[in-house]
Amino acid sequence: ETEGSVSMETSGGNLQAIELTGSVQAATNGGNIELQFNELKGNSAASTGAGSITLILPSNSDAELNLAGSSVEVPSSFVFKGDKSSSKAVGSLGNGTYSLKAKTSYGKIVLKPRN
């Protein structure tokens, strides 16, 4: 369990952070990223050149989303307002308090509700 601001980077390999309360900056040139938030408190970003990004958030999160990948999934359990296509989602969850950005050149981005 981590509270505060986390920064992770690797030139190649997977990154995973679980039970986060705060913000995260995660980057890899090639590999998957999984970020599991207890609570989003701060601006966060994840990027990979080739790999998938999984973002697990409470469904009542307040975030301004900017997600781009080969495919982007935002399930209906989130109240999303904005523009969404198969490869992009730009808009807000809740009040859009914090910025949440994710980008992968070759891979999918999946937003999942935290149980």
Protein backbone atom coordinates (compact mmCIF):
# COMPACT_ATOMS: atom_id res chain seq x y z
CA GLU A 1 0.00 0.00 0.00
CA THR A 2 1.44 3.33 -1.11
CA GLU A 3 0.25 6.83 -0.30
CA GLY A 4 1.59 9.95 -2.01
CA SER A 5 3.38 10.37 -5.31
CA VAL A 6 5.04 7.44 -7.12
CA SER A 7 7.35 7.55 -10.13
CA MET A 8 8.36 4.37 -12.02
CA GLU A 9 10.38 3.97 -15.20
CA THR A 10 12.05 1.15 -17.11
CA SER A 11 13.47 0.90 -20.61
CA GLY A 12 11.82 -2.49 -21.12
CA GLY A 13 9.70 -4.52 -18.76
CA ASN A 14 6.38 -4.53 -16.96
CA LEU A 15 5.40 -2.06 -14.25
CA GLN A 16 2.80 -2.73 -11.57
CA ALA A 17 1.64 -0.65 -8.60
CA ILE A 18 -1.24 -1.74 -6.39
CA GLU A 19 -3.22 -0.20 -3.52
CA LEU A 20 -2.26 3.35 -4.48
CA THR A 21 -3.65 6.45 -2.81
CA GLY A 22 -2.24 9.44 -4.63
CA SER A 23 -0.64 9.93 -8.03
CA VAL A 24 1.64 7.91 -10.32
CA GLN A 25 3.97 8.59 -13.23
CA ALA A 26 4.80 5.28 -14.96
CA ALA A 27 6.74 4.85 -18.22
CA THR A 28 8.32 1.97 -20.13
CA ASN A 29 9.50 1.66 -23.72
CA GLY A 30 8.12 -1.86 -24.00
CA GLY A 31 6.01 -3.67 -21.44
CA ASN A 32 2.66 -3.71 -19.72
CA ILE A 33 1.59 -1.27 -17.00
CA GLU A 34 -0.99 -2.00 -14.31
CA LEU A 35 -2.00 0.72 -11.85
CA GLN A 36 -4.52 -0.09 -9.12
CA PHE A 37 -5.81 2.90 -7.18
CA ASN A 38 -7.55 2.84 -3.81
CA GLU A 39 -8.11 6.54 -4.44
CA LEU A 40 -6.89 8.86 -7.19
CA LYS A 41 -5.46 11.96 -5.48
CA GLY A 42 -3.32 13.88 -7.94
CA ASN A 43 -2.47 13.93 -11.63
CA SER A 44 -1.27 10.60 -13.03
CA ALA A 45 0.16 9.33 -16.31
CA ALA A 46 1.20 6.02 -17.84
CA SER A 47 2.93 5.43 -21.16
CA THR A 48 4.42 2.48 -23.02
CA GLY A 49 5.67 2.12 -26.57
CA ALA A 50 4.37 -1.43 -26.93
CA GLY A 51 2.18 -3.07 -24.30
CA SER A 52 -1.14 -2.78 -22.56
CA ILE A 53 -2.12 -0.38 -19.79
CA THR A 54 -4.66 -1.41 -17.16
CA LEU A 55 -6.04 1.29 -14.87
CA ILE A 56 -8.11 0.08 -11.91
CA LEU A 57 -10.02 2.88 -10.16
CA PRO A 58 -12.95 3.27 -7.79
CA SER A 59 -16.00 3.79 -10.01
CA ASN A 60 -16.72 7.11 -8.24
CA SER A 61 -13.31 8.60 -9.19
CA ASP A 62 -13.02 12.21 -10.33
CA ALA A 63 -10.64 12.36 -13.29
CA GLU A 64 -10.10 14.14 -16.58
CA LEU A 65 -9.21 11.28 -18.95
CA ASN A 66 -6.96 11.35 -21.99
CA LEU A 67 -6.47 7.73 -23.13
CA ALA A 68 -5.01 6.65 -26.48
CA GLY A 69 -4.02 3.19 -27.74
CA SER A 70 -4.74 0.51 -30.33
CA SER A 71 -7.97 -0.03 -28.41
CA VAL A 72 -9.48 1.75 -25.41
CA GLU A 73 -12.14 0.29 -23.09
CA VAL A 74 -14.18 2.39 -20.64
CA PRO A 75 -16.89 0.22 -19.06
CA SER A 76 -20.39 1.55 -18.35
CA SER A 77 -19.80 1.21 -14.58
CA PHE A 78 -17.98 4.57 -14.88
CA VAL A 79 -19.95 7.78 -15.46
CA PHE A 80 -17.92 8.98 -18.47
CA LYS A 81 -18.71 12.24 -20.24
CA GLY A 82 -16.76 13.05 -23.38
CA ASP A 83 -15.63 11.64 -26.71
CA LYS A 84 -14.86 7.97 -27.04
CA SER A 85 -13.81 5.87 -30.03
CA SER A 86 -12.24 2.43 -30.30
CA SER A 87 -8.74 3.92 -29.92
CA LYS A 88 -9.29 7.03 -27.80
CA ALA A 89 -11.22 8.38 -24.81
CA VAL A 90 -11.08 12.07 -23.89
CA GLY A 91 -13.45 13.36 -21.25
CA SER A 92 -14.26 13.22 -17.57
CA LEU A 93 -15.23 10.84 -14.81
CA GLY A 94 -17.24 12.52 -12.08
CA ASN A 95 -16.05 16.08 -11.50
CA GLY A 96 -12.83 15.62 -13.49
CA THR A 97 -10.72 16.83 -10.56
CA TYR A 98 -7.43 15.12 -11.48
CA SER A 99 -5.74 14.43 -14.81
CA LEU A 100 -5.31 10.78 -15.81
CA LYS A 101 -3.39 10.22 -19.05
CA ALA A 102 -2.42 6.93 -20.66
CA LYS A 103 -0.82 6.29 -24.03
CA THR A 104 0.40 3.18 -25.80
CA SER A 105 1.50 3.07 -29.42
CA TYR A 106 0.88 -0.68 -29.82
CA GLY A 107 -1.49 -2.07 -27.22
CA LYS A 108 -4.79 -1.63 -25.44
CA ILE A 109 -5.85 0.54 -22.55
CA VAL A 110 -8.44 -0.88 -20.19
CA LEU A 111 -10.18 1.04 -17.42
CA LYS A 112 -11.59 -1.27 -14.75
CA PRO A 113 -13.70 -0.54 -11.67
CA ARG A 114 -12.10 -1.42 -8.34
CA ASN A 115 -14.22 -3.90 -6.39
